[in-house]
Amino acid sequence: MKAIIQRVTKASVSVDGDIISSIGNGLCVLVGIKKDDSLEDMNYIVRKILNTKIFDGDNDKRWGASVKDKEYEILCVSQFTLYHNLKGNKLDFHRAMPAQSSELFYNTFLAELGKNYKPELIKDGKFGAMMEVNIQNSGPVTIEIESPIKSNE
């Protein structure tokens, strides 16, 4: 499982020109799910999203506070393209979990995020829809987190 985490001052998701979710200060998280991801992978990503020190802390200490410490919002967007391979110039997505399985996995991920934080501060896009994601990146700060690769791969 992979998450591209962007620190934002605001972010929104639109579908067919209508804004369906928006946040102020917080994180915009693009979420990729691969075929063999497990609950262990999910829990790892949830912990990292909530606890990584990506904001200024007390007394403006750099990298001193997490989204949880600040009680900021999180906007999650499912993005299967994070698990792509390039074959020449052609994209291949065989590493991504198929849509039907990944929708259930993604919804479980959102629920787990809410269980470990404040559900009212968790927003998301529309799974499987053609979305427009607007972000105002703060810093800019963008980090990539991937659950550890299992030894049997």
Protein backbone atom coordinates (compact mmCIF):
# COMPACT_ATOMS: atom_id res chain seq x y z
CA MET A 1 0.00 0.00 0.00
CA LYS A 2 1.25 3.45 -0.85
CA ALA A 3 0.30 6.97 0.21
CA ILE A 4 1.41 10.24 -1.33
CA ILE A 5 0.89 12.76 1.45
CA GLN A 6 0.71 16.47 0.76
CA ARG A 7 0.55 19.12 3.47
CA VAL A 8 -2.14 21.59 2.38
CA THR A 9 -3.77 24.82 3.43
CA LYS A 10 -6.83 23.70 1.46
CA ALA A 11 -7.87 20.93 -0.91
CA SER A 12 -11.03 19.79 -2.67
CA VAL A 13 -12.34 17.05 -4.93
CA SER A 14 -14.81 17.69 -7.75
CA VAL A 15 -16.81 15.22 -9.83
CA ASP A 16 -18.62 16.48 -12.92
CA GLY A 17 -17.85 20.06 -11.89
CA ASP A 18 -19.39 19.73 -8.41
CA ILE A 19 -17.22 19.91 -5.30
CA ILE A 20 -17.97 16.76 -3.31
CA SER A 21 -15.35 17.17 -0.53
CA SER A 22 -13.13 19.93 0.74
CA ILE A 23 -10.80 20.62 3.66
CA GLY A 24 -8.81 23.48 5.12
CA ASN A 25 -5.44 22.94 6.81
CA GLY A 26 -4.40 19.32 6.80
CA LEU A 27 -3.32 16.54 4.49
CA CYS A 28 -4.36 15.50 1.00
CA VAL A 29 -3.54 11.79 0.71
CA LEU A 30 -3.46 9.90 -2.58
CA VAL A 31 -3.93 6.22 -1.77
CA GLY A 32 -2.70 3.32 -3.90
CA ILE A 33 -3.60 -0.30 -3.14
CA LYS A 34 -1.71 -3.23 -4.65
CA LYS A 35 -2.99 -6.76 -5.25
CA ASP A 36 -1.60 -8.44 -2.16
CA ASP A 37 -2.08 -5.67 0.40
CA SER A 38 -3.30 -6.83 3.80
CA LEU A 39 -4.73 -5.32 6.98
CA GLU A 40 -1.13 -5.15 8.24
CA ASP A 41 -0.24 -2.88 5.29
CA MET A 42 -3.35 -0.77 5.93
CA ASN A 43 -2.58 -0.34 9.63
CA TYR A 44 1.00 0.68 8.81
CA ILE A 45 -0.19 3.41 6.40
CA VAL A 46 -2.88 4.63 8.85
CA ARG A 47 -0.27 4.98 11.62
CA LYS A 48 2.12 6.87 9.35
CA ILE A 49 -0.55 9.27 8.03
CA LEU A 50 -1.73 10.13 11.53
CA ASN A 51 1.63 10.28 13.33
CA THR A 52 4.26 11.58 10.87
CA LYS A 53 5.57 14.95 12.10
CA ILE A 54 4.84 17.01 8.99
CA PHE A 55 3.67 20.29 10.58
CA ASP A 56 5.34 22.90 12.74
CA GLY A 57 4.91 22.14 16.44
CA ASP A 58 4.89 24.26 19.56
CA ASN A 59 7.04 27.40 19.40
CA ASP A 60 7.16 26.96 15.59
CA LYS A 61 9.44 23.93 15.97
CA ARG A 62 9.98 22.54 12.43
CA TRP A 63 8.62 19.04 11.83
CA GLY A 64 7.26 18.98 15.37
CA ALA A 65 3.58 17.98 15.00
CA SER A 66 1.41 15.44 13.22
CA VAL A 67 -2.03 15.95 11.66
CA LYS A 68 -3.40 14.27 14.79
CA ASP A 69 -1.50 16.65 17.09
CA LYS A 70 -2.89 19.65 15.18
CA GLU A 71 -6.40 18.16 14.83
CA TYR A 72 -6.38 19.04 11.14
CA GLU A 73 -8.47 17.47 8.38
CA ILE A 74 -7.50 14.70 5.96
CA LEU A 75 -8.76 14.38 2.39
CA CYS A 76 -8.16 10.90 0.93
CA VAL A 77 -8.35 10.12 -2.77
CA SER A 78 -8.10 6.57 -4.15
CA GLN A 79 -5.56 6.41 -6.97
CA PHE A 80 -4.84 3.04 -8.59
CA THR A 81 -2.29 4.67 -10.91
CA LEU A 82 0.21 4.77 -8.03
CA TYR A 83 0.82 1.07 -8.78
CA HIS A 84 1.78 1.37 -12.41
CA ASN A 85 4.56 -0.08 -14.53
CA LEU A 86 5.85 1.58 -17.65
CA LYS A 87 6.26 -0.74 -20.61
CA GLY A 88 7.99 1.59 -23.02
CA ASN A 89 5.56 4.50 -23.01
CA LYS A 90 2.50 2.41 -22.19
CA LEU A 91 1.07 2.26 -18.69
CA ASP A 92 0.34 -1.12 -17.13
CA PHE A 93 -1.59 -1.45 -13.87
CA HIS A 94 -1.36 -5.20 -13.18
CA ARG A 95 0.14 -4.56 -9.70
CA ALA A 96 -2.95 -2.58 -8.58
CA MET A 97 -5.72 -4.41 -6.73
CA PRO A 98 -8.79 -4.95 -8.99
CA ALA A 99 -11.56 -2.35 -8.58
CA GLN A 100 -14.13 -4.53 -6.79
CA SER A 101 -11.65 -5.73 -4.13
CA SER A 102 -9.93 -2.39 -3.78
CA GLU A 103 -13.19 -0.49 -3.18
CA LEU A 104 -13.92 -2.64 -0.12
CA PHE A 105 -10.27 -2.35 1.01
CA TYR A 106 -10.32 1.44 0.53
CA ASN A 107 -13.58 1.83 2.48
CA THR A 108 -12.10 -0.29 5.28
CA PHE A 109 -9.02 1.95 5.20
CA LEU A 110 -11.20 5.08 5.60
CA ALA A 111 -13.05 3.45 8.51
CA GLU A 112 -9.76 2.48 10.16
CA LEU A 113 -8.44 6.02 9.74
CA GLY A 114 -11.59 7.35 11.41
CA LYS A 115 -11.38 4.78 14.20
CA ASN A 116 -7.85 5.95 15.02
CA TYR A 117 -8.62 9.65 14.67
CA LYS A 118 -11.78 11.76 14.41
CA PRO A 119 -14.14 10.46 11.71
CA GLU A 120 -15.62 13.92 11.14
CA LEU A 121 -12.17 15.16 10.04
CA ILE A 122 -11.75 12.43 7.39
CA LYS A 123 -13.06 13.30 3.92
CA ASP A 124 -12.69 11.46 0.61
CA GLY A 125 -13.39 11.61 -3.08
CA LYS A 126 -15.67 9.26 -4.99
CA PHE A 127 -14.18 5.83 -5.58
CA GLY A 128 -13.79 4.99 -9.27
CA ALA A 129 -14.99 8.39 -10.49
CA MET A 130 -13.11 10.75 -12.77
CA MET A 131 -12.13 13.36 -10.19
CA GLU A 132 -10.45 16.73 -10.21
CA VAL A 133 -8.30 17.25 -7.14
CA ASN A 134 -7.39 20.82 -6.28
CA ILE A 135 -4.72 21.39 -3.68
CA GLN A 136 -2.91 24.31 -2.23
CA ASN A 137 0.29 22.61 -1.10
CA SER A 138 1.88 24.18 1.97
CA GLY A 139 5.66 24.38 1.84
CA PRO A 140 5.44 22.62 -0.58
CA VAL A 141 5.68 19.41 1.42
CA THR A 142 5.01 16.09 -0.29
CA ILE A 143 6.12 12.71 1.04
CA GLU A 144 5.64 9.13 -0.14
CA ILE A 145 5.05 6.29 2.29
CA GLU A 146 4.83 2.65 1.29
CA SER A 147 4.09 -0.30 3.52
CA PRO A 148 7.12 -2.59 3.91
CA ILE A 149 7.60 -5.13 1.14
CA LYS A 150 7.05 -8.67 2.38
CA SER A 151 9.95 -11.11 2.07
CA ASN A 152 7.88 -13.57 -0.04
CA GLU A 153 7.62 -11.15 -2.97
